[in-house]
Amino acid sequence: EPNTQHIDGLVNPDANAIFRSTDRSAPHNAYASGSGLESIIRQKGY
């Protein structure tokens, strides 16, 4: 939908906002930072 604005960490470029930790195994090791999310939000023109 045109009004839906989202960051999906499984697709590019959104995946650049997500990082994986090494202290646990997938799928429970995916995290985001505020700065990373803001960068992608601006990159996508939101």
PDB file of all heavy atoms in Angstrom:
ATOM      1  N   GLU A   1       0.846  -1.205   0.000  1.00  0.00           N
ATOM      2  CA  GLU A   1       0.000   0.000   0.000  1.00  0.00           C
ATOM      3  C   GLU A   1       0.877   1.249   0.000  1.00  0.00           C
ATOM      4  O   GLU A   1       1.918   1.298   0.683  1.00  0.00           O
ATOM      5  CB  GLU A   1      -0.908   0.002   1.232  1.00  0.00           C
ATOM      6  CG  GLU A   1      -2.019  -1.033   1.217  1.00  0.00           C
ATOM      7  CD  GLU A   1      -3.107  -0.672   0.219  1.00  0.00           C
ATOM      8  OE1 GLU A   1      -3.315   0.541  -0.026  1.00  0.00           O
ATOM      9  OE2 GLU A   1      -3.733  -1.595  -0.331  1.00  0.00           O
ATOM     10  N   PRO A   2       0.497   2.300  -0.739  1.00  0.00           N
ATOM     11  CA  PRO A   2       1.366   3.480  -0.873  1.00  0.00           C
ATOM     12  C   PRO A   2       1.661   4.193   0.437  1.00  0.00           C
ATOM     13  O   PRO A   2       2.718   4.820   0.562  1.00  0.00           O
ATOM     14  CB  PRO A   2       0.592   4.386  -1.842  1.00  0.00           C
ATOM     15  CG  PRO A   2      -0.820   3.876  -1.825  1.00  0.00           C
ATOM     16  CD  PRO A   2      -0.728   2.415  -1.555  1.00  0.00           C
ATOM     17  N   ASN A   3       0.767   4.108   1.415  1.00  0.00           N
ATOM     18  CA  ASN A   3       0.993   4.789   2.692  1.00  0.00           C
ATOM     19  C   ASN A   3       1.780   3.949   3.696  1.00  0.00           C
ATOM     20  O   ASN A   3       2.178   4.458   4.744  1.00  0.00           O
ATOM     21  CB  ASN A   3      -0.339   5.208   3.323  1.00  0.00           C
ATOM     22  CG  ASN A   3      -0.955   6.392   2.624  1.00  0.00           C
ATOM     23  OD1 ASN A   3      -0.254   7.252   2.097  1.00  0.00           O
ATOM     24  ND2 ASN A   3      -2.288   6.446   2.607  1.00  0.00           N
ATOM     25  N   THR A   4       1.974   2.656   3.398  1.00  0.00           N
ATOM     26  CA  THR A   4       2.706   1.795   4.327  1.00  0.00           C
ATOM     27  C   THR A   4       4.203   2.072   4.206  1.00  0.00           C
ATOM     28  O   THR A   4       4.784   1.931   3.130  1.00  0.00           O
ATOM     29  CB  THR A   4       2.437   0.316   4.037  1.00  0.00           C
ATOM     30  OG1 THR A   4       1.038   0.057   4.140  1.00  0.00           O
ATOM     31  CG2 THR A   4       3.181  -0.573   5.024  1.00  0.00           C
ATOM     32  N   GLN A   5       4.816   2.455   5.317  1.00  0.00           N
ATOM     33  CA  GLN A   5       6.253   2.730   5.335  1.00  0.00           C
ATOM     34  C   GLN A   5       6.898   1.795   6.359  1.00  0.00           C
ATOM     35  O   GLN A   5       6.605   1.877   7.549  1.00  0.00           O
ATOM     36  CB  GLN A   5       6.520   4.195   5.656  1.00  0.00           C
ATOM     37  CG  GLN A   5       5.977   5.127   4.566  1.00  0.00           C
ATOM     38  CD  GLN A   5       6.386   6.571   4.735  1.00  0.00           C
ATOM     39  OE1 GLN A   5       6.819   6.996   5.807  1.00  0.00           O
ATOM     40  NE2 GLN A   5       6.266   7.357   3.671  1.00  0.00           N
ATOM     41  N   HIS A   6       7.755   0.916   5.880  1.00  0.00           N
ATOM     42  CA  HIS A   6       8.300  -0.124   6.748  1.00  0.00           C
ATOM     43  C   HIS A   6       9.744  -0.406   6.399  1.00  0.00           C
ATOM     44  O   HIS A   6      10.230  -0.076   5.305  1.00  0.00           O
ATOM     45  CB  HIS A   6       7.453  -1.399   6.666  1.00  0.00           C
ATOM     46  CG  HIS A   6       7.504  -2.080   5.329  1.00  0.00           C
ATOM     47  ND1 HIS A   6       7.978  -3.362   5.163  1.00  0.00           N
ATOM     48  CD2 HIS A   6       7.139  -1.660   4.084  1.00  0.00           C
ATOM     49  CE1 HIS A   6       7.892  -3.710   3.897  1.00  0.00           C
ATOM     50  NE2 HIS A   6       7.394  -2.693   3.217  1.00  0.00           N
ATOM     51  N   ILE A   7      10.446  -1.008   7.348  1.00  0.00           N
ATOM     52  CA  ILE A   7      11.828  -1.444   7.159  1.00  0.00           C
ATOM     53  C   ILE A   7      11.836  -2.949   7.362  1.00  0.00           C
ATOM     54  O   ILE A   7      11.592  -3.441   8.470  1.00  0.00           O
ATOM     55  CB  ILE A   7      12.793  -0.752   8.139  1.00  0.00           C
ATOM     56  CG1 ILE A   7      12.845   0.751   7.876  1.00  0.00           C
ATOM     57  CG2 ILE A   7      14.186  -1.347   8.031  1.00  0.00           C
ATOM     58  CD1 ILE A   7      11.854   1.553   8.685  1.00  0.00           C
ATOM     59  N   ASP A   8      12.076  -3.691   6.305  1.00  0.00           N
ATOM     60  CA  ASP A   8      12.100  -5.149   6.332  1.00  0.00           C
ATOM     61  C   ASP A   8      13.549  -5.600   6.264  1.00  0.00           C
ATOM     62  O   ASP A   8      14.213  -5.471   5.234  1.00  0.00           O
ATOM     63  CB  ASP A   8      11.296  -5.703   5.151  1.00  0.00           C
ATOM     64  CG  ASP A   8      11.238  -7.220   5.134  1.00  0.00           C
ATOM     65  OD1 ASP A   8      11.971  -7.859   5.915  1.00  0.00           O
ATOM     66  OD2 ASP A   8      10.465  -7.780   4.335  1.00  0.00           O
ATOM     67  N   GLY A   9      14.063  -6.126   7.362  1.00  0.00           N
ATOM     68  CA  GLY A   9      15.465  -6.486   7.450  1.00  0.00           C
ATOM     69  C   GLY A   9      15.888  -7.654   6.594  1.00  0.00           C
ATOM     70  O   GLY A   9      17.081  -7.997   6.584  1.00  0.00           O
ATOM     71  N   LEU A  10      14.960  -8.262   5.854  1.00  0.00           N
ATOM     72  CA  LEU A  10      15.324  -9.382   4.981  1.00  0.00           C
ATOM     73  C   LEU A  10      15.547  -8.950   3.542  1.00  0.00           C
ATOM     74  O   LEU A  10      15.885  -9.787   2.696  1.00  0.00           O
ATOM     75  CB  LEU A  10      14.243 -10.459   5.025  1.00  0.00           C
ATOM     76  CG  LEU A  10      14.061 -11.190   6.363  1.00  0.00           C
ATOM     77  CD1 LEU A  10      13.039 -12.316   6.221  1.00  0.00           C
ATOM     78  CD2 LEU A  10      15.391 -11.734   6.888  1.00  0.00           C
ATOM     79  N   VAL A  11      15.320  -7.669   3.239  1.00  0.00           N
ATOM     80  CA  VAL A  11      15.490  -7.192   1.867  1.00  0.00           C
ATOM     81  C   VAL A  11      16.419  -5.983   1.870  1.00  0.00           C
ATOM     82  O   VAL A  11      16.551  -5.281   2.871  1.00  0.00           O
ATOM     83  CB  VAL A  11      14.139  -6.833   1.221  1.00  0.00           C
ATOM     84  CG1 VAL A  11      13.222  -8.035   1.175  1.00  0.00           C
ATOM     85  CG2 VAL A  11      13.466  -5.678   1.970  1.00  0.00           C
ATOM     86  N   ASN A  12      17.045  -5.732   0.733  1.00  0.00           N
ATOM     87  CA  ASN A  12      17.902  -4.555   0.583  1.00  0.00           C
ATOM     88  C   ASN A  12      17.081  -3.365   0.081  1.00  0.00           C
ATOM     89  O   ASN A  12      16.138  -3.556  -0.689  1.00  0.00           O
ATOM     90  CB  ASN A  12      19.048  -4.850  -0.402  1.00  0.00           C
ATOM     91  CG  ASN A  12      20.058  -5.803   0.198  1.00  0.00           C
ATOM     92  OD1 ASN A  12      20.411  -5.702   1.359  1.00  0.00           O
ATOM     93  ND2 ASN A  12      20.535  -6.743  -0.615  1.00  0.00           N
ATOM     94  N   PRO A  13      17.402  -2.137   0.495  1.00  0.00           N
ATOM     95  CA  PRO A  13      18.546  -1.767   1.350  1.00  0.00           C
ATOM     96  C   PRO A  13      18.260  -1.870   2.850  1.00  0.00           C
ATOM     97  O   PRO A  13      19.128  -1.598   3.664  1.00  0.00           O
ATOM     98  CB  PRO A  13      18.765  -0.303   0.961  1.00  0.00           C
ATOM     99  CG  PRO A  13      17.381   0.206   0.698  1.00  0.00           C
ATOM    100  CD  PRO A  13      16.654  -0.943   0.038  1.00  0.00           C
ATOM    101  N   ASP A  14      17.033  -2.295   3.207  1.00  0.00           N
ATOM    102  CA  ASP A  14      16.632  -2.282   4.616  1.00  0.00           C
ATOM    103  C   ASP A  14      17.535  -3.142   5.497  1.00  0.00           C
ATOM    104  O   ASP A  14      17.720  -2.861   6.682  1.00  0.00           O
ATOM    105  CB  ASP A  14      15.190  -2.778   4.762  1.00  0.00           C
ATOM    106  CG  ASP A  14      14.191  -1.929   3.988  1.00  0.00           C
ATOM    107  OD1 ASP A  14      14.649  -1.128   3.134  1.00  0.00           O
ATOM    108  OD2 ASP A  14      12.994  -2.052   4.227  1.00  0.00           O
ATOM    109  N   ALA A  15      18.104  -4.197   4.915  1.00  0.00           N
ATOM    110  CA  ALA A  15      18.944  -5.106   5.695  1.00  0.00           C
ATOM    111  C   ALA A  15      20.138  -4.391   6.312  1.00  0.00           C
ATOM    112  O   ALA A  15      20.709  -4.865   7.303  1.00  0.00           O
ATOM    113  CB  ALA A  15      19.416  -6.266   4.818  1.00  0.00           C
ATOM    114  N   ASN A  16      20.516  -3.241   5.753  1.00  0.00           N
ATOM    115  CA  ASN A  16      21.646  -2.485   6.298  1.00  0.00           C
ATOM    116  C   ASN A  16      21.327  -1.876   7.662  1.00  0.00           C
ATOM    117  O   ASN A  16      22.245  -1.452   8.373  1.00  0.00           O
ATOM    118  CB  ASN A  16      22.055  -1.376   5.332  1.00  0.00           C
ATOM    119  CG  ASN A  16      22.615  -1.920   4.037  1.00  0.00           C
ATOM    120  OD1 ASN A  16      23.280  -2.961   4.021  1.00  0.00           O
ATOM    121  ND2 ASN A  16      22.346  -1.242   2.929  1.00  0.00           N
ATOM    122  N   ALA A  17      20.045  -1.831   8.017  1.00  0.00           N
ATOM    123  CA  ALA A  17      19.645  -1.293   9.330  1.00  0.00           C
ATOM    124  C   ALA A  17      19.685  -2.363  10.413  1.00  0.00           C
ATOM    125  O   ALA A  17      19.520  -2.051  11.597  1.00  0.00           O
ATOM    126  CB  ALA A  17      18.246  -0.689   9.249  1.00  0.00           C
ATOM    127  N   ILE A  18      19.913  -3.624  10.018  1.00  0.00           N
ATOM    128  CA  ILE A  18      19.855  -4.745  10.957  1.00  0.00           C
ATOM    129  C   ILE A  18      21.257  -5.323  11.141  1.00  0.00           C
ATOM    130  O   ILE A  18      22.030  -5.449  10.190  1.00  0.00           O
ATOM    131  CB  ILE A  18      18.908  -5.844  10.426  1.00  0.00           C
ATOM    132  CG1 ILE A  18      17.515  -5.263  10.146  1.00  0.00           C
ATOM    133  CG2 ILE A  18      18.820  -7.005  11.406  1.00  0.00           C
ATOM    134  CD1 ILE A  18      16.814  -4.693  11.349  1.00  0.00           C
ATOM    135  N   PHE A  19      21.588  -5.694  12.368  1.00  0.00           N
ATOM    136  CA  PHE A  19      22.850  -6.394  12.615  1.00  0.00           C
ATOM    137  C   PHE A  19      22.572  -7.656  13.430  1.00  0.00           C
ATOM    138  O   PHE A  19      21.568  -7.754  14.136  1.00  0.00           O
ATOM    139  CB  PHE A  19      23.862  -5.489  13.333  1.00  0.00           C
ATOM    140  CG  PHE A  19      23.444  -5.039  14.714  1.00  0.00           C
ATOM    141  CD1 PHE A  19      23.774  -5.781  15.841  1.00  0.00           C
ATOM    142  CD2 PHE A  19      22.734  -3.851  14.889  1.00  0.00           C
ATOM    143  CE1 PHE A  19      23.407  -5.368  17.112  1.00  0.00           C
ATOM    144  CE2 PHE A  19      22.356  -3.425  16.163  1.00  0.00           C
ATOM    145  CZ  PHE A  19      22.700  -4.185  17.272  1.00  0.00           C
ATOM    146  N   ARG A  20      23.457  -8.619  13.314  1.00  0.00           N
ATOM    147  CA  ARG A  20      23.323  -9.905  13.999  1.00  0.00           C
ATOM    148  C   ARG A  20      24.353  -9.999  15.127  1.00  0.00           C
ATOM    149  O   ARG A  20      25.518  -9.642  14.954  1.00  0.00           O
ATOM    150  CB  ARG A  20      23.550 -11.058  13.021  1.00  0.00           C
ATOM    151  CG  ARG A  20      22.527 -11.136  11.881  1.00  0.00           C
ATOM    152  CD  ARG A  20      21.271 -11.839  12.287  1.00  0.00           C
ATOM    153  NE  ARG A  20      20.320 -11.942  11.172  1.00  0.00           N
ATOM    154  CZ  ARG A  20      19.173 -12.616  11.248  1.00  0.00           C
ATOM    155  NH1 ARG A  20      18.843 -13.258  12.369  1.00  0.00           N
ATOM    156  NH2 ARG A  20      18.362 -12.666  10.218  1.00  0.00           N
ATOM    157  N   SER A  21      23.895 -10.486  16.286  1.00  0.00           N
ATOM    158  CA  SER A  21      24.807 -10.698  17.404  1.00  0.00           C
ATOM    159  C   SER A  21      25.377 -12.110  17.330  1.00  0.00           C
ATOM    160  O   SER A  21      24.831 -12.975  16.643  1.00  0.00           O
ATOM    161  CB  SER A  21      24.089 -10.488  18.730  1.00  0.00           C
ATOM    162  OG  SER A  21      23.145 -11.522  18.947  1.00  0.00           O
ATOM    163  N   THR A  22      26.443 -12.345  18.068  1.00  0.00           N
ATOM    164  CA  THR A  22      27.080 -13.666  18.080  1.00  0.00           C
ATOM    165  C   THR A  22      26.800 -14.442  19.363  1.00  0.00           C
ATOM    166  O   THR A  22      27.276 -15.574  19.518  1.00  0.00           O
ATOM    167  CB  THR A  22      28.601 -13.520  17.904  1.00  0.00           C
ATOM    168  OG1 THR A  22      29.114 -12.703  18.970  1.00  0.00           O
ATOM    169  CG2 THR A  22      28.932 -12.887  16.560  1.00  0.00           C
ATOM    170  N   ASP A  23      26.023 -13.840  20.276  1.00  0.00           N
ATOM    171  CA  ASP A  23      25.790 -14.499  21.558  1.00  0.00           C
ATOM    172  C   ASP A  23      24.616 -15.462  21.518  1.00  0.00           C
ATOM    173  O   ASP A  23      24.346 -16.147  22.501  1.00  0.00           O
ATOM    174  CB  ASP A  23      25.573 -13.457  22.657  1.00  0.00           C
ATOM    175  CG  ASP A  23      24.381 -12.561  22.382  1.00  0.00           C
ATOM    176  OD1 ASP A  23      23.911 -12.519  21.225  1.00  0.00           O
ATOM    177  OD2 ASP A  23      23.919 -11.865  23.314  1.00  0.00           O
ATOM    178  N   ARG A  24      23.903 -15.513  20.416  1.00  0.00           N
ATOM    179  CA  ARG A  24      22.811 -16.483  20.261  1.00  0.00           C
ATOM    180  C   ARG A  24      22.637 -16.785  18.784  1.00  0.00           C
ATOM    181  O   ARG A  24      23.082 -16.018  17.914  1.00  0.00           O
ATOM    182  CB  ARG A  24      21.507 -15.970  20.879  1.00  0.00           C
ATOM    183  CG  ARG A  24      20.976 -14.694  20.233  1.00  0.00           C
ATOM    184  CD  ARG A  24      19.595 -14.331  20.760  1.00  0.00           C
ATOM    185  NE  ARG A  24      19.658 -13.854  22.129  1.00  0.00           N
ATOM    186  CZ  ARG A  24      18.611 -13.372  22.790  1.00  0.00           C
ATOM    187  NH1 ARG A  24      17.416 -13.335  22.218  1.00  0.00           N
ATOM    188  NH2 ARG A  24      18.735 -12.932  24.017  1.00  0.00           N
ATOM    189  N   SER A  25      21.946 -17.867  18.498  1.00  0.00           N
ATOM    190  CA  SER A  25      21.794 -18.300  17.110  1.00  0.00           C
ATOM    191  C   SER A  25      20.548 -17.692  16.481  1.00  0.00           C
ATOM    192  O   SER A  25      19.631 -17.238  17.171  1.00  0.00           O
ATOM    193  CB  SER A  25      21.725 -19.830  17.044  1.00  0.00           C
ATOM    194  OG  SER A  25      20.647 -20.308  17.834  1.00  0.00           O
ATOM    195  N   ALA A  26      20.523 -17.681  15.157  1.00  0.00           N
ATOM    196  CA  ALA A  26      19.356 -17.217  14.416  1.00  0.00           C
ATOM    197  C   ALA A  26      18.181 -18.147  14.711  1.00  0.00           C
ATOM    198  O   ALA A  26      18.381 -19.331  14.992  1.00  0.00           O
ATOM    199  CB  ALA A  26      19.669 -17.189  12.925  1.00  0.00           C
ATOM    200  N   PRO A  27      16.948 -17.673  14.682  1.00  0.00           N
ATOM    201  CA  PRO A  27      16.548 -16.346  14.213  1.00  0.00           C
ATOM    202  C   PRO A  27      16.475 -15.283  15.310  1.00  0.00           C
ATOM    203  O   PRO A  27      15.959 -14.191  15.055  1.00  0.00           O
ATOM    204  CB  PRO A  27      15.159 -16.623  13.650  1.00  0.00           C
ATOM    205  CG  PRO A  27      14.605 -17.662  14.585  1.00  0.00           C
ATOM    206  CD  PRO A  27      15.775 -18.538  14.947  1.00  0.00           C
ATOM    207  N   HIS A  28      16.968 -15.594  16.512  1.00  0.00           N
ATOM    208  CA  HIS A  28      16.775 -14.681  17.643  1.00  0.00           C
ATOM    209  C   HIS A  28      17.975 -13.773  17.889  1.00  0.00           C
ATOM    210  O   HIS A  28      18.252 -13.398  19.025  1.00  0.00           O
ATOM    211  CB  HIS A  28      16.477 -15.487  18.912  1.00  0.00           C
ATOM    212  CG  HIS A  28      15.208 -16.278  18.838  1.00  0.00           C
ATOM    213  ND1 HIS A  28      13.988 -15.704  18.607  1.00  0.00           N
ATOM    214  CD2 HIS A  28      14.983 -17.613  18.953  1.00  0.00           C
ATOM    215  CE1 HIS A  28      13.049 -16.640  18.591  1.00  0.00           C
ATOM    216  NE2 HIS A  28      13.632 -17.806  18.791  1.00  0.00           N
ATOM    217  N   ASN A  29      18.681 -13.408  16.842  1.00  0.00           N
ATOM    218  CA  ASN A  29      19.876 -12.584  17.047  1.00  0.00           C
ATOM    219  C   ASN A  29      19.911 -11.349  16.149  1.00  0.00           C
ATOM    220  O   ASN A  29      20.976 -10.805  15.879  1.00  0.00           O
ATOM    221  CB  ASN A  29      21.137 -13.419  16.823  1.00  0.00           C
ATOM    222  CG  ASN A  29      21.281 -13.927  15.399  1.00  0.00           C
ATOM    223  OD1 ASN A  29      20.328 -13.890  14.621  1.00  0.00           O
ATOM    224  ND2 ASN A  29      22.477 -14.408  15.052  1.00  0.00           N
ATOM    225  N   ALA A  30      18.760 -10.912  15.674  1.00  0.00           N
ATOM    226  CA  ALA A  30      18.689  -9.749  14.788  1.00  0.00           C
ATOM    227  C   ALA A  30      18.246  -8.522  15.576  1.00  0.00           C
ATOM    228  O   ALA A  30      17.223  -8.551  16.281  1.00  0.00           O
ATOM    229  CB  ALA A  30      17.729 -10.014  13.641  1.00  0.00           C
ATOM    230  N   TYR A  31      18.995  -7.435  15.430  1.00  0.00           N
ATOM    231  CA  TYR A  31      18.720  -6.204  16.180  1.00  0.00           C
ATOM    232  C   TYR A  31      18.852  -5.003  15.254  1.00  0.00           C
ATOM    233  O   TYR A  31      19.452  -5.079  14.177  1.00  0.00           O
ATOM    234  CB  TYR A  31      19.697  -6.050  17.348  1.00  0.00           C
ATOM    235  CG  TYR A  31      19.691  -7.214  18.305  1.00  0.00           C
ATOM    236  CD1 TYR A  31      20.546  -8.308  18.096  1.00  0.00           C
ATOM    237  CD2 TYR A  31      18.838  -7.239  19.399  1.00  0.00           C
ATOM    238  CE1 TYR A  31      20.535  -9.388  18.964  1.00  0.00           C
ATOM    239  CE2 TYR A  31      18.819  -8.321  20.271  1.00  0.00           C
ATOM    240  CZ  TYR A  31      19.672  -9.387  20.054  1.00  0.00           C
ATOM    241  OH  TYR A  31      19.656 -10.459  20.899  1.00  0.00           O
ATOM    242  N   ALA A  32      18.308  -3.890  15.715  1.00  0.00           N
ATOM    243  CA  ALA A  32      18.430  -2.632  14.981  1.00  0.00           C
ATOM    244  C   ALA A  32      18.947  -1.562  15.926  1.00  0.00           C
ATOM    245  O   ALA A  32      18.746  -1.636  17.145  1.00  0.00           O
ATOM    246  CB  ALA A  32      17.089  -2.207  14.396  1.00  0.00           C
ATOM    247  N   SER A  33      19.613  -0.572  15.366  1.00  0.00           N
ATOM    248  CA  SER A  33      20.001   0.616  16.125  1.00  0.00           C
ATOM    249  C   SER A  33      19.189   1.801  15.622  1.00  0.00           C
ATOM    250  O   SER A  33      18.757   1.827  14.460  1.00  0.00           O
ATOM    251  CB  SER A  33      21.491   0.906  15.970  1.00  0.00           C
ATOM    252  OG  SER A  33      21.793   1.283  14.635  1.00  0.00           O
ATOM    253  N   GLY A  34      19.013   2.779  16.481  1.00  0.00           N
ATOM    254  CA  GLY A  34      18.277   3.964  16.070  1.00  0.00           C
ATOM    255  C   GLY A  34      18.942   4.682  14.919  1.00  0.00           C
ATOM    256  O   GLY A  34      18.278   5.108  13.958  1.00  0.00           O
ATOM    257  N   SER A  35      20.253   4.792  14.973  1.00  0.00           N
ATOM    258  CA  SER A  35      20.970   5.494  13.904  1.00  0.00           C
ATOM    259  C   SER A  35      20.862   4.731  12.590  1.00  0.00           C
ATOM    260  O   SER A  35      20.716   5.340  11.515  1.00  0.00           O
ATOM    261  CB  SER A  35      22.437   5.683  14.302  1.00  0.00           C
ATOM    262  OG  SER A  35      23.070   4.427  14.536  1.00  0.00           O
ATOM    263  N   GLY A  36      20.938   3.386  12.647  1.00  0.00           N
ATOM    264  CA  GLY A  36      20.807   2.590  11.433  1.00  0.00           C
ATOM    265  C   GLY A  36      19.428   2.717  10.812  1.00  0.00           C
ATOM    266  O   GLY A  36      19.291   2.820   9.585  1.00  0.00           O
ATOM    267  N   LEU A  37      18.390   2.719  11.656  1.00  0.00           N
ATOM    268  CA  LEU A  37      17.033   2.876  11.148  1.00  0.00           C
ATOM    269  C   LEU A  37      16.837   4.257  10.538  1.00  0.00           C
ATOM    270  O   LEU A  37      16.230   4.401   9.467  1.00  0.00           O
ATOM    271  CB  LEU A  37      16.024   2.655  12.280  1.00  0.00           C
ATOM    272  CG  LEU A  37      15.903   1.220  12.790  1.00  0.00           C
ATOM    273  CD1 LEU A  37      15.016   1.174  14.038  1.00  0.00           C
ATOM    274  CD2 LEU A  37      15.346   0.290  11.725  1.00  0.00           C
ATOM    275  N   GLU A  38      17.353   5.282  11.207  1.00  0.00           N
ATOM    276  CA  GLU A  38      17.191   6.639  10.678  1.00  0.00           C
ATOM    277  C   GLU A  38      17.876   6.780   9.319  1.00  0.00           C
ATOM    278  O   GLU A  38      17.348   7.433   8.405  1.00  0.00           O
ATOM    279  CB  GLU A  38      17.751   7.660  11.661  1.00  0.00           C
ATOM    280  CG  GLU A  38      17.559   9.096  11.196  1.00  0.00           C
ATOM    281  CD  GLU A  38      18.021  10.120  12.216  1.00  0.00           C
ATOM    282  OE1 GLU A  38      18.530   9.727  13.281  1.00  0.00           O
ATOM    283  OE2 GLU A  38      17.870  11.331  11.920  1.00  0.00           O
ATOM    284  N   SER A  39      19.037   6.159   9.171  1.00  0.00           N
ATOM    285  CA  SER A  39      19.752   6.227   7.896  1.00  0.00           C
ATOM    286  C   SER A  39      18.921   5.623   6.762  1.00  0.00           C
ATOM    287  O   SER A  39      18.812   6.204   5.671  1.00  0.00           O
ATOM    288  CB  SER A  39      21.094   5.502   8.028  1.00  0.00           C
ATOM    289  OG  SER A  39      21.782   5.486   6.793  1.00  0.00           O
ATOM    290  N   ILE A  40      18.317   4.459   7.018  1.00  0.00           N
ATOM    291  CA  ILE A  40      17.506   3.808   5.989  1.00  0.00           C
ATOM    292  C   ILE A  40      16.233   4.601   5.725  1.00  0.00           C
ATOM    293  O   ILE A  40      15.787   4.733   4.568  1.00  0.00           O
ATOM    294  CB  ILE A  40      17.169   2.362   6.401  1.00  0.00           C
ATOM    295  CG1 ILE A  40      18.447   1.519   6.422  1.00  0.00           C
ATOM    296  CG2 ILE A  40      16.139   1.749   5.461  1.00  0.00           C
ATOM    297  CD1 ILE A  40      19.144   1.412   5.072  1.00  0.00           C
ATOM    298  N   ILE A  41      15.621   5.124   6.773  1.00  0.00           N
ATOM    299  CA  ILE A  41      14.404   5.930   6.610  1.00  0.00           C
ATOM    300  C   ILE A  41      14.679   7.127   5.702  1.00  0.00           C
ATOM    301  O   ILE A  41      13.897   7.439   4.790  1.00  0.00           O
ATOM    302  CB  ILE A  41      13.886   6.391   7.989  1.00  0.00           C
ATOM    303  CG1 ILE A  41      13.254   5.205   8.724  1.00  0.00           C
ATOM    304  CG2 ILE A  41      12.877   7.532   7.846  1.00  0.00           C
ATOM    305  CD1 ILE A  41      12.957   5.464  10.184  1.00  0.00           C
ATOM    306  N   ARG A  42      15.808   7.788   5.923  1.00  0.00           N
ATOM    307  CA  ARG A  42      16.159   8.939   5.077  1.00  0.00           C
ATOM    308  C   ARG A  42      16.503   8.481   3.659  1.00  0.00           C
ATOM    309  O   ARG A  42      16.128   9.132   2.668  1.00  0.00           O
ATOM    310  CB  ARG A  42      17.325   9.702   5.701  1.00  0.00           C
ATOM    311  CG  ARG A  42      16.975  10.388   7.016  1.00  0.00           C
ATOM    312  CD  ARG A  42      18.123  11.238   7.527  1.00  0.00           C
ATOM    313  NE  ARG A  42      17.840  11.845   8.810  1.00  0.00           N
ATOM    314  CZ  ARG A  42      17.148  12.972   8.975  1.00  0.00           C
ATOM    315  NH1 ARG A  42      16.649  13.599   7.906  1.00  0.00           N
ATOM    316  NH2 ARG A  42      16.942  13.475  10.174  1.00  0.00           N
ATOM    317  N   GLN A  43      17.205   7.349   3.543  1.00  0.00           N
ATOM    318  CA  GLN A  43      17.578   6.830   2.227  1.00  0.00           C
ATOM    319  C   GLN A  43      16.343   6.488   1.397  1.00  0.00           C
ATOM    320  O   GLN A  43      16.334   6.685   0.164  1.00  0.00           O
ATOM    321  CB  GLN A  43      18.460   5.597   2.398  1.00  0.00           C
ATOM    322  CG  GLN A  43      18.969   4.998   1.097  1.00  0.00           C
ATOM    323  CD  GLN A  43      19.891   3.810   1.343  1.00  0.00           C
ATOM    324  OE1 GLN A  43      20.464   3.654   2.410  1.00  0.00           O
ATOM    325  NE2 GLN A  43      20.025   2.945   0.336  1.00  0.00           N
ATOM    326  N   LYS A  44      15.296   5.989   2.056  1.00  0.00           N
ATOM    327  CA  LYS A  44      14.072   5.613   1.340  1.00  0.00           C
ATOM    328  C   LYS A  44      13.154   6.806   1.100  1.00  0.00           C
ATOM    329  O   LYS A  44      12.109   6.659   0.455  1.00  0.00           O
ATOM    330  CB  LYS A  44      13.327   4.529   2.135  1.00  0.00           C
ATOM    331  CG  LYS A  44      14.124   3.242   2.285  1.00  0.00           C
ATOM    332  CD  LYS A  44      13.383   2.189   3.072  1.00  0.00           C
ATOM    333  CE  LYS A  44      12.332   1.494   2.241  1.00  0.00           C
ATOM    334  NZ  LYS A  44      11.804   0.269   2.886  1.00  0.00           N
ATOM    335  N   GLY A  45      13.537   7.973   1.604  1.00  0.00           N
ATOM    336  CA  GLY A  45      12.746   9.173   1.358  1.00  0.00           C
ATOM    337  C   GLY A  45      11.519   9.289   2.231  1.00  0.00           C
ATOM    338  O   GLY A  45      10.610  10.081   1.936  1.00  0.00           O
ATOM    339  N   TYR A  46      11.455   8.512   3.332  1.00  0.00           N
ATOM    340  CA  TYR A  46      10.335   8.618   4.257  1.00  0.00           C
ATOM    341  C   TYR A  46      10.472   9.903   5.083  1.00  0.00           C
ATOM    342  O   TYR A  46      11.590  10.333   5.417  1.00  0.00           O
ATOM    343  CB  TYR A  46      10.311   7.430   5.220  1.00  0.00           C
ATOM    344  CG  TYR A  46      10.007   6.085   4.605  1.00  0.00           C
ATOM    345  CD1 TYR A  46      10.311   4.912   5.304  1.00  0.00           C
ATOM    346  CD2 TYR A  46       9.429   5.967   3.347  1.00  0.00           C
ATOM    347  CE1 TYR A  46      10.038   3.665   4.771  1.00  0.00           C
ATOM    348  CE2 TYR A  46       9.160   4.721   2.806  1.00  0.00           C
ATOM    349  CZ  TYR A  46       9.466   3.573   3.521  1.00  0.00           C
ATOM    350  OH  TYR A  46       9.197   2.345   2.986  1.00  0.00           O
TER     351      TYR A  46
END
